C-alpha atoms as a PDB file:
ATOM      1  CA  UNK A   1      73.040 -39.817  80.570  1.00  0.00           C
ATOM      2  CA  UNK A   2      70.161 -41.955  81.895  1.00  0.00           C
ATOM      3  CA  UNK A   3      68.860 -41.601  85.423  1.00  0.00           C
ATOM      4  CA  UNK A   4      69.374 -44.315  87.996  1.00  0.00           C
ATOM      5  CA  UNK A   5      65.620 -44.970  88.090  1.00  0.00           C
ATOM      6  CA  UNK A   6      65.507 -45.650  84.339  1.00  0.00           C
ATOM      7  CA  UNK A   7      68.509 -47.993  84.529  1.00  0.00           C
ATOM      8  CA  UNK A   8      66.919 -49.803  87.483  1.00  0.00           C
ATOM      9  CA  UNK A   9      63.681 -50.253  85.466  1.00  0.00           C
ATOM     10  CA  UNK A  10      65.516 -51.693  82.468  1.00  0.00           C
ATOM     11  CA  UNK A  11      67.575 -53.989  84.689  1.00  0.00           C
ATOM     12  CA  UNK A  12      64.471 -55.173  86.533  1.00  0.00           C
ATOM     13  CA  UNK A  13      62.656 -55.884  83.254  1.00  0.00           C
ATOM     14  CA  UNK A  14      65.691 -57.786  81.978  1.00  0.00           C
ATOM     15  CA  UNK A  15      65.810 -59.924  85.111  1.00  0.00           C
ATOM     16  CA  UNK A  16      62.068 -60.594  84.949  1.00  0.00           C
ATOM     17  CA  UNK A  17      62.283 -61.631  81.285  1.00  0.00           C
ATOM     18  CA  UNK A  18      65.275 -63.881  82.050  1.00  0.00           C
ATOM     19  CA  UNK A  19      63.378 -65.489  84.928  1.00  0.00           C
ATOM     20  CA  UNK A  20      60.332 -66.020  82.695  1.00  0.00           C
ATOM     21  CA  UNK A  21      62.568 -67.703  80.117  1.00  0.00           C
ATOM     22  CA  UNK A  22      64.032 -70.034  82.750  1.00  0.00           C
ATOM     23  CA  UNK A  23      60.533 -70.947  83.910  1.00  0.00           C
ATOM     24  CA  UNK A  24      59.485 -71.452  80.270  1.00  0.00           C
ATOM     25  CA  UNK A  25      62.401 -73.854  79.828  1.00  0.00           C
ATOM     26  CA  UNK A  26      61.558 -75.717  83.038  1.00  0.00           C
ATOM     27  CA  UNK A  27      58.017 -76.081  81.747  1.00  0.00           C
ATOM     28  CA  UNK A  28      59.256 -77.799  78.586  1.00  0.00           C
ATOM     29  CA  UNK A  29      60.749 -80.466  80.859  1.00  0.00           C
ATOM     30  CA  UNK A  30      57.388 -81.217  82.496  1.00  0.00           C
ATOM     31  CA  UNK A  31      55.369 -83.606  80.318  1.00  0.00           C
ATOM     32  CA  UNK A  32      51.643 -82.899  80.532  1.00  0.00           C
ATOM     33  CA  UNK A  33      49.448 -85.034  78.312  1.00  0.00           C
ATOM     34  CA  UNK A  34      45.775 -84.683  79.102  1.00  0.00           C
ATOM     35  CA  UNK A  35      44.601 -85.246  75.550  1.00  0.00           C
ATOM     36  CA  UNK A  36      44.573 -81.574  74.596  1.00  0.00           C
ATOM     37  CA  UNK A  37      47.463 -80.323  72.475  1.00  0.00           C
ATOM     38  CA  UNK A  38      49.614 -77.577  73.946  1.00  0.00           C
ATOM     39  CA  UNK A  39      48.269 -77.747  77.499  1.00  0.00           C
ATOM     40  CA  UNK A  40      50.858 -76.318  79.909  1.00  0.00           C
ATOM     41  CA  UNK A  41      51.062 -75.030  83.464  1.00  0.00           C
ATOM     42  CA  UNK A  42      52.071 -71.508  82.453  1.00  0.00           C
ATOM     43  CA  UNK A  43      54.973 -71.161  84.873  1.00  0.00           C
ATOM     44  CA  UNK A  44      56.339 -68.094  83.056  1.00  0.00           C
ATOM     45  CA  UNK A  45      53.095 -66.325  83.930  1.00  0.00           C
ATOM     46  CA  UNK A  46      54.256 -66.207  87.563  1.00  0.00           C
ATOM     47  CA  UNK A  47      56.622 -63.467  86.463  1.00  0.00           C
ATOM     48  CA  UNK A  48      53.916 -61.552  84.573  1.00  0.00           C
ATOM     49  CA  UNK A  49      51.570 -61.617  87.576  1.00  0.00           C
ATOM     50  CA  UNK A  50      54.381 -60.409  89.840  1.00  0.00           C
ATOM     51  CA  UNK A  51      55.246 -57.649  87.357  1.00  0.00           C
ATOM     52  CA  UNK A  52      51.606 -56.529  87.261  1.00  0.00           C
ATOM     53  CA  UNK A  53      51.244 -56.404  91.035  1.00  0.00           C
ATOM     54  CA  UNK A  54      54.672 -55.211  92.171  1.00  0.00           C
ATOM     55  CA  UNK A  55      55.587 -52.919  89.297  1.00  0.00           C
ATOM     56  CA  UNK A  56      53.153 -51.524  86.725  1.00  0.00           C
ATOM     57  CA  UNK A  57      51.135 -52.335  83.621  1.00  0.00           C
ATOM     58  CA  UNK A  58      53.936 -51.272  81.268  1.00  0.00           C
ATOM     59  CA  UNK A  59      56.411 -53.649  82.925  1.00  0.00           C
ATOM     60  CA  UNK A  60      53.911 -56.524  82.814  1.00  0.00           C
ATOM     61  CA  UNK A  61      53.196 -55.905  79.101  1.00  0.00           C
ATOM     62  CA  UNK A  62      56.884 -55.659  78.150  1.00  0.00           C
ATOM     63  CA  UNK A  63      57.795 -58.774  80.144  1.00  0.00           C
ATOM     64  CA  UNK A  64      54.870 -60.708  78.649  1.00  0.00           C
ATOM     65  CA  UNK A  65      55.674 -59.764  75.042  1.00  0.00           C
ATOM     66  CA  UNK A  66      59.411 -60.373  75.362  1.00  0.00           C
ATOM     67  CA  UNK A  67      59.002 -63.706  77.147  1.00  0.00           C
ATOM     68  CA  UNK A  68      56.611 -64.952  74.457  1.00  0.00           C
ATOM     69  CA  UNK A  69      58.917 -63.975  71.615  1.00  0.00           C
ATOM     70  CA  UNK A  70      62.086 -65.261  73.280  1.00  0.00           C
ATOM     71  CA  UNK A  71      60.573 -68.530  74.550  1.00  0.00           C
ATOM     72  CA  UNK A  72      59.025 -69.243  71.139  1.00  0.00           C
ATOM     73  CA  UNK A  73      62.309 -68.525  69.376  1.00  0.00           C
ATOM     74  CA  UNK A  74      64.313 -70.593  71.855  1.00  0.00           C
ATOM     75  CA  UNK A  75      62.059 -73.524  72.742  1.00  0.00           C
ATOM     76  CA  UNK A  76      59.192 -73.405  70.249  1.00  0.00           C
ATOM     77  CA  UNK A  77      58.168 -72.137  66.837  1.00  0.00           C
ATOM     78  CA  UNK A  78      56.182 -69.390  65.114  1.00  0.00           C
ATOM     79  CA  UNK A  79      52.897 -71.256  65.500  1.00  0.00           C
ATOM     80  CA  UNK A  80      53.458 -71.494  69.242  1.00  0.00           C
ATOM     81  CA  UNK A  81      54.217 -67.790  69.320  1.00  0.00           C
ATOM     82  CA  UNK A  82      50.919 -66.831  67.643  1.00  0.00           C
ATOM     83  CA  UNK A  83      48.879 -68.982  70.030  1.00  0.00           C
ATOM     84  CA  UNK A  84      50.827 -67.584  72.989  1.00  0.00           C
ATOM     85  CA  UNK A  85      50.309 -64.002  71.858  1.00  0.00           C
ATOM     86  CA  UNK A  86      46.566 -64.580  71.453  1.00  0.00           C
ATOM     87  CA  UNK A  87      46.270 -66.172  74.873  1.00  0.00           C
ATOM     88  CA  UNK A  88      48.597 -63.759  76.651  1.00  0.00           C
ATOM     89  CA  UNK A  89      46.917 -60.686  75.142  1.00  0.00           C
ATOM     90  CA  UNK A  90      43.446 -61.662  76.316  1.00  0.00           C
ATOM     91  CA  UNK A  91      44.849 -62.874  79.636  1.00  0.00           C
ATOM     92  CA  UNK A  92      46.821 -59.707  80.341  1.00  0.00           C
ATOM     93  CA  UNK A  93      43.978 -57.388  79.315  1.00  0.00           C
ATOM     94  CA  UNK A  94      41.611 -59.296  81.594  1.00  0.00           C
ATOM     95  CA  UNK A  95      44.078 -59.278  84.488  1.00  0.00           C
ATOM     96  CA  UNK A  96      44.697 -55.537  84.091  1.00  0.00           C
ATOM     97  CA  UNK A  97      40.951 -54.830  84.075  1.00  0.00           C
ATOM     98  CA  UNK A  98      40.125 -57.029  87.047  1.00  0.00           C
ATOM     99  CA  UNK A  99      43.156 -55.903  89.088  1.00  0.00           C
ATOM    100  CA  UNK A 100      41.594 -52.419  89.156  1.00  0.00           C
ATOM    101  CA  UNK A 101      38.764 -53.843  91.290  1.00  0.00           C
ATOM    102  CA  UNK A 102      40.098 -53.806  94.846  1.00  0.00           C
ATOM    103  CA  UNK A 103      37.954 -56.733  96.024  1.00  0.00           C
ATOM    104  CA  UNK A 104      39.868 -59.163  93.775  1.00  0.00           C
ATOM    105  CA  UNK A 105      43.007 -60.741  95.201  1.00  0.00           C
ATOM    106  CA  UNK A 106      46.192 -61.577  93.334  1.00  0.00           C
ATOM    107  CA  UNK A 107      45.039 -65.213  93.186  1.00  0.00           C
ATOM    108  CA  UNK A 108      41.632 -64.230  91.735  1.00  0.00           C
ATOM    109  CA  UNK A 109      43.314 -62.072  89.111  1.00  0.00           C
ATOM    110  CA  UNK A 110      45.668 -64.933  88.225  1.00  0.00           C
ATOM    111  CA  UNK A 111      42.731 -67.363  87.893  1.00  0.00           C
ATOM    112  CA  UNK A 112      40.983 -64.992  85.490  1.00  0.00           C
ATOM    113  CA  UNK A 113      44.267 -64.698  83.586  1.00  0.00           C
ATOM    114  CA  UNK A 114      44.659 -68.486  83.364  1.00  0.00           C
ATOM    115  CA  UNK A 115      41.126 -68.993  82.091  1.00  0.00           C
ATOM    116  CA  UNK A 116      41.291 -66.128  79.595  1.00  0.00           C
ATOM    117  CA  UNK A 117      44.664 -67.313  78.290  1.00  0.00           C
ATOM    118  CA  UNK A 118      43.012 -70.577  77.273  1.00  0.00           C
ATOM    119  CA  UNK A 119      39.995 -68.758  75.821  1.00  0.00           C
ATOM    120  CA  UNK A 120      42.341 -66.603  73.707  1.00  0.00           C
ATOM    121  CA  UNK A 121      44.184 -69.655  72.426  1.00  0.00           C
ATOM    122  CA  UNK A 122      40.934 -71.435  71.522  1.00  0.00           C
ATOM    123  CA  UNK A 123      39.724 -68.362  69.618  1.00  0.00           C
ATOM    124  CA  UNK A 124      43.049 -68.302  67.760  1.00  0.00           C
ATOM    125  CA  UNK A 125      42.749 -72.034  67.014  1.00  0.00           C
ATOM    126  CA  UNK A 126      39.209 -71.530  65.664  1.00  0.00           C
ATOM    127  CA  UNK A 127      40.581 -68.973  63.186  1.00  0.00           C
ATOM    128  CA  UNK A 128      43.540 -71.156  62.213  1.00  0.00           C
ATOM    129  CA  UNK A 129      41.633 -74.396  61.648  1.00  0.00           C
ATOM    130  CA  UNK A 130      38.479 -72.591  60.495  1.00  0.00           C
ATOM    131  CA  UNK A 131      36.101 -74.597  62.598  1.00  0.00           C
ATOM    132  CA  UNK A 132      34.154 -74.027  65.771  1.00  0.00           C
ATOM    133  CA  UNK A 133      34.798 -77.646  66.775  1.00  0.00           C
ATOM    134  CA  UNK A 134      37.798 -76.547  68.830  1.00  0.00           C
ATOM    135  CA  UNK A 135      35.413 -74.909  71.304  1.00  0.00           C
ATOM    136  CA  UNK A 136      34.523 -78.407  72.568  1.00  0.00           C
ATOM    137  CA  UNK A 137      37.904 -78.293  74.362  1.00  0.00           C
ATOM    138  CA  UNK A 138      36.926 -75.094  76.179  1.00  0.00           C
ATOM    139  CA  UNK A 139      35.287 -76.621  79.304  1.00  0.00           C
ATOM    140  CA  UNK A 140      38.370 -78.727  80.047  1.00  0.00           C
ATOM    141  CA  UNK A 141      40.673 -75.812  79.267  1.00  0.00           C
ATOM    142  CA  UNK A 142      38.685 -73.488  81.524  1.00  0.00           C
ATOM    143  CA  UNK A 143      39.074 -75.951  84.413  1.00  0.00           C
ATOM    144  CA  UNK A 144      42.792 -76.254  83.610  1.00  0.00           C
ATOM    145  CA  UNK A 145      43.044 -72.450  83.510  1.00  0.00           C
ATOM    146  CA  UNK A 146      41.309 -72.194  86.868  1.00  0.00           C
ATOM    147  CA  UNK A 147      43.631 -74.739  88.497  1.00  0.00           C
ATOM    148  CA  UNK A 148      46.848 -73.446  86.932  1.00  0.00           C
ATOM    149  CA  UNK A 149      45.782 -69.828  87.509  1.00  0.00           C
ATOM    150  CA  UNK A 150      45.212 -70.579  91.187  1.00  0.00           C
ATOM    151  CA  UNK A 151      48.595 -72.298  91.517  1.00  0.00           C
ATOM    152  CA  UNK A 152      50.349 -69.476  89.634  1.00  0.00           C
ATOM    153  CA  UNK A 153      48.568 -66.921  91.838  1.00  0.00           C
ATOM    154  CA  UNK A 154      49.556 -68.695  95.046  1.00  0.00           C
ATOM    155  CA  UNK A 155      53.217 -68.908  93.997  1.00  0.00           C
ATOM    156  CA  UNK A 156      53.238 -65.299  92.720  1.00  0.00           C
ATOM    157  CA  UNK A 157      51.662 -64.164  95.993  1.00  0.00           C
ATOM    158  CA  UNK A 158      54.264 -65.974  98.094  1.00  0.00           C
ATOM    159  CA  UNK A 159      57.088 -64.525  96.018  1.00  0.00           C
ATOM    160  CA  UNK A 160      55.568 -61.024  96.062  1.00  0.00           C
ATOM    161  CA  UNK A 161      55.370 -61.055  99.852  1.00  0.00           C
ATOM    162  CA  UNK A 162      59.035 -62.067 100.054  1.00  0.00           C
ATOM    163  CA  UNK A 163      60.098 -59.435  97.520  1.00  0.00           C
ATOM    164  CA  UNK A 164      58.270 -56.612  99.247  1.00  0.00           C
ATOM    165  CA  UNK A 165      59.982 -57.495 102.526  1.00  0.00           C
ATOM    166  CA  UNK A 166      63.435 -57.251 100.938  1.00  0.00           C
ATOM    167  CA  UNK A 167      65.063 -53.855 100.488  1.00  0.00           C
ATOM    168  CA  UNK A 168      66.736 -53.812  97.051  1.00  0.00           C
ATOM    169  CA  UNK A 169      68.336 -50.343  97.187  1.00  0.00           C
END
């Protein structure tokens, strides 16, 4: 028989993944056309940032991997999944590393995550199309990552404050 703590962890991860999927779906309804293919807000990353700050690295990694696979299978395709994995891997590794430095806030960590997500996707694109020409998109994508990372960080921070003030047990 499993302990209550283990069941609570699995349930929490399931709810976080479900919330990330809902946000991923909502994002498909928001048309963003700034001339760069695949540019999105990254709403599902709100959940990953919250998981990293309120829970632990393992929860953030599991939620990130599952949301990528499930969102790609539900709303996207295999190509989208590979780009998302590349971006999310670099983003999550960067956020984990920088979150260890106490002087960085949740918003700062999210900004780094947003920028590195785009860097990871550009690196993946360079391998796929076999040209360095895709790096010309990087300045615009870094600005987009900064803006979306800040917005994601602000929302994740507001939600985190509310969640820590609510007793779940």
